[in-house]
């Protein structure tokens, strides 16, 4: 997967789980999407549902 282009901080607690430039693993993505399904908000992501993610293109 490509590196993230955005910060992803579930709320609560609002602590960053993914920082820009960090490669998002399948495990982290599964955990975040599970949280969204259970009512966790992702206010700083371009797509708070996490169906899509902004990533840095690789050459």
N, C-alpha and C. Protein backbone atom coordinates (compact mmCIF):
# COMPACT_ATOMS: atom_id res chain seq x y z
N UNK A 1 0.85 -1.18 0.00
CA UNK A 1 0.00 0.00 0.00
C UNK A 1 0.89 1.24 0.00
N UNK A 2 0.41 2.31 -0.55
CA UNK A 2 1.15 3.56 -0.61
C UNK A 2 1.10 4.29 0.73
N UNK A 3 2.04 5.20 0.95
CA UNK A 3 2.02 5.99 2.19
C UNK A 3 0.81 6.91 2.26
N UNK A 4 0.35 7.15 3.47
CA UNK A 4 -0.79 8.03 3.70
C UNK A 4 -0.44 9.47 3.33
N UNK A 5 -1.45 10.19 2.84
CA UNK A 5 -1.29 11.61 2.54
C UNK A 5 -2.00 12.44 3.60
N UNK A 6 -2.62 11.78 4.58
CA UNK A 6 -3.40 12.50 5.57
C UNK A 6 -3.21 11.90 6.97
N UNK A 7 -3.56 12.68 7.96
CA UNK A 7 -3.56 12.22 9.34
C UNK A 7 -4.90 11.56 9.61
N UNK A 8 -4.88 10.45 10.33
CA UNK A 8 -6.12 9.77 10.70
C UNK A 8 -6.12 9.61 12.21
N UNK A 9 -7.06 10.29 12.86
CA UNK A 9 -7.16 10.30 14.32
C UNK A 9 -8.58 9.97 14.75
N UNK A 10 -8.83 8.73 15.16
CA UNK A 10 -10.17 8.38 15.62
C UNK A 10 -10.56 9.20 16.85
N UNK A 11 -11.84 9.49 16.96
CA UNK A 11 -12.32 10.26 18.10
C UNK A 11 -13.56 9.61 18.67
N UNK A 12 -13.61 9.28 19.95
CA UNK A 12 -12.52 9.45 20.89
C UNK A 12 -11.44 8.40 20.67
N UNK A 13 -10.25 8.59 21.11
CA UNK A 13 -9.68 9.62 21.96
C UNK A 13 -9.07 10.79 21.21
N UNK A 14 -8.93 10.72 19.88
CA UNK A 14 -8.35 11.83 19.13
C UNK A 14 -6.85 11.77 18.97
N UNK A 15 -6.28 10.61 19.26
CA UNK A 15 -4.84 10.41 19.11
C UNK A 15 -4.57 9.88 17.70
N UNK A 16 -3.58 10.44 17.03
CA UNK A 16 -3.27 10.03 15.66
C UNK A 16 -2.86 8.56 15.60
N UNK A 17 -3.49 7.82 14.69
CA UNK A 17 -3.15 6.42 14.46
C UNK A 17 -2.28 6.31 13.21
N UNK A 18 -2.55 7.18 12.24
CA UNK A 18 -1.78 7.21 11.00
C UNK A 18 -1.34 8.65 10.75
N UNK A 19 -0.06 8.82 10.47
CA UNK A 19 0.49 10.14 10.18
C UNK A 19 0.82 10.22 8.69
N UNK A 20 0.82 11.43 8.12
CA UNK A 20 1.20 11.57 6.72
C UNK A 20 2.57 10.95 6.47
N UNK A 21 2.66 10.19 5.38
CA UNK A 21 3.91 9.53 5.01
C UNK A 21 4.04 8.12 5.55
N UNK A 22 3.18 7.76 6.49
CA UNK A 22 3.23 6.43 7.08
C UNK A 22 2.48 5.43 6.19
N UNK A 23 3.07 4.26 6.02
CA UNK A 23 2.40 3.20 5.26
C UNK A 23 1.31 2.61 6.13
N UNK A 24 0.11 2.50 5.58
CA UNK A 24 -1.04 1.98 6.31
C UNK A 24 -1.11 0.48 6.09
N UNK A 25 -0.99 -0.30 7.15
CA UNK A 25 -1.06 -1.75 7.03
C UNK A 25 -2.51 -2.20 6.97
N UNK A 26 -2.73 -3.40 6.46
CA UNK A 26 -4.08 -3.96 6.43
C UNK A 26 -4.66 -4.08 7.84
N UNK A 27 -3.81 -4.43 8.81
CA UNK A 27 -4.28 -4.58 10.18
C UNK A 27 -4.79 -3.26 10.76
N UNK A 28 -4.05 -2.19 10.51
CA UNK A 28 -4.47 -0.87 10.99
C UNK A 28 -5.76 -0.44 10.30
N UNK A 29 -5.83 -0.64 9.01
CA UNK A 29 -7.03 -0.27 8.26
C UNK A 29 -8.25 -1.06 8.73
N UNK A 30 -8.08 -2.36 8.95
CA UNK A 30 -9.19 -3.19 9.46
C UNK A 30 -9.67 -2.69 10.82
N UNK A 31 -8.72 -2.35 11.69
CA UNK A 31 -9.07 -1.85 13.03
C UNK A 31 -9.82 -0.52 12.93
N UNK A 32 -9.32 0.39 12.11
CA UNK A 32 -9.98 1.69 11.94
C UNK A 32 -11.38 1.54 11.36
N UNK A 33 -11.52 0.71 10.35
CA UNK A 33 -12.85 0.52 9.73
C UNK A 33 -13.81 -0.16 10.69
N UNK A 34 -13.32 -1.07 11.51
CA UNK A 34 -14.16 -1.69 12.53
C UNK A 34 -14.65 -0.63 13.51
N UNK A 35 -13.77 0.27 13.89
CA UNK A 35 -14.17 1.35 14.79
C UNK A 35 -15.26 2.22 14.18
N UNK A 36 -15.11 2.56 12.90
CA UNK A 36 -16.11 3.37 12.21
C UNK A 36 -17.46 2.65 12.22
N UNK A 37 -17.45 1.34 11.98
CA UNK A 37 -18.69 0.55 11.99
C UNK A 37 -19.36 0.57 13.36
N UNK A 38 -18.58 0.82 14.41
CA UNK A 38 -19.11 0.83 15.77
C UNK A 38 -19.27 2.25 16.33
N UNK A 39 -19.24 3.24 15.45
CA UNK A 39 -19.55 4.60 15.86
C UNK A 39 -18.39 5.53 16.14
N UNK A 40 -17.16 5.06 15.93
CA UNK A 40 -16.01 5.93 16.13
C UNK A 40 -15.97 6.95 14.98
N UNK A 41 -15.71 8.20 15.31
CA UNK A 41 -15.62 9.25 14.30
C UNK A 41 -14.18 9.43 13.86
N UNK A 42 -13.99 9.73 12.57
CA UNK A 42 -12.67 10.02 12.02
C UNK A 42 -12.75 11.41 11.41
N UNK A 43 -12.70 12.46 12.25
CA UNK A 43 -13.00 13.81 11.78
C UNK A 43 -11.97 14.41 10.83
N UNK A 44 -10.72 13.97 10.88
CA UNK A 44 -9.71 14.63 10.07
C UNK A 44 -9.40 13.93 8.75
N UNK A 45 -10.03 12.80 8.48
CA UNK A 45 -9.82 12.11 7.21
C UNK A 45 -10.67 12.76 6.11
N UNK A 46 -10.17 12.77 4.89
CA UNK A 46 -10.94 13.32 3.77
C UNK A 46 -12.24 12.56 3.59
N UNK A 47 -12.22 11.25 3.85
CA UNK A 47 -13.41 10.41 3.79
C UNK A 47 -13.58 9.76 5.17
N UNK A 48 -14.40 10.35 6.05
CA UNK A 48 -14.55 9.83 7.41
C UNK A 48 -15.07 8.39 7.49
N UNK A 49 -15.64 7.87 6.40
CA UNK A 49 -16.09 6.48 6.40
C UNK A 49 -14.92 5.52 6.17
N UNK A 50 -13.78 6.06 5.73
CA UNK A 50 -12.56 5.30 5.40
C UNK A 50 -12.76 4.30 4.27
N UNK A 51 -13.77 4.55 3.43
CA UNK A 51 -13.93 3.70 2.23
C UNK A 51 -12.84 4.05 1.21
N UNK A 52 -12.38 5.29 1.27
CA UNK A 52 -11.25 5.70 0.44
C UNK A 52 -10.23 6.42 1.32
N UNK A 53 -8.98 6.38 0.91
CA UNK A 53 -7.91 7.05 1.64
C UNK A 53 -7.08 7.88 0.68
N UNK A 54 -6.59 9.00 1.14
CA UNK A 54 -5.67 9.81 0.34
C UNK A 54 -4.26 9.29 0.60
N UNK A 55 -3.60 8.88 -0.46
CA UNK A 55 -2.24 8.33 -0.34
C UNK A 55 -1.29 9.06 -1.29
N UNK A 56 -0.01 8.91 -1.02
CA UNK A 56 1.03 9.48 -1.86
C UNK A 56 1.31 8.51 -2.99
N UNK A 57 1.29 8.99 -4.23
CA UNK A 57 1.58 8.14 -5.38
C UNK A 57 3.05 7.74 -5.40
N UNK A 58 3.29 6.52 -5.74
CA UNK A 58 4.67 6.05 -5.89
C UNK A 58 5.03 6.01 -7.35
N UNK A 59 6.30 6.26 -7.64
CA UNK A 59 6.75 6.23 -9.03
C UNK A 59 6.90 4.81 -9.53
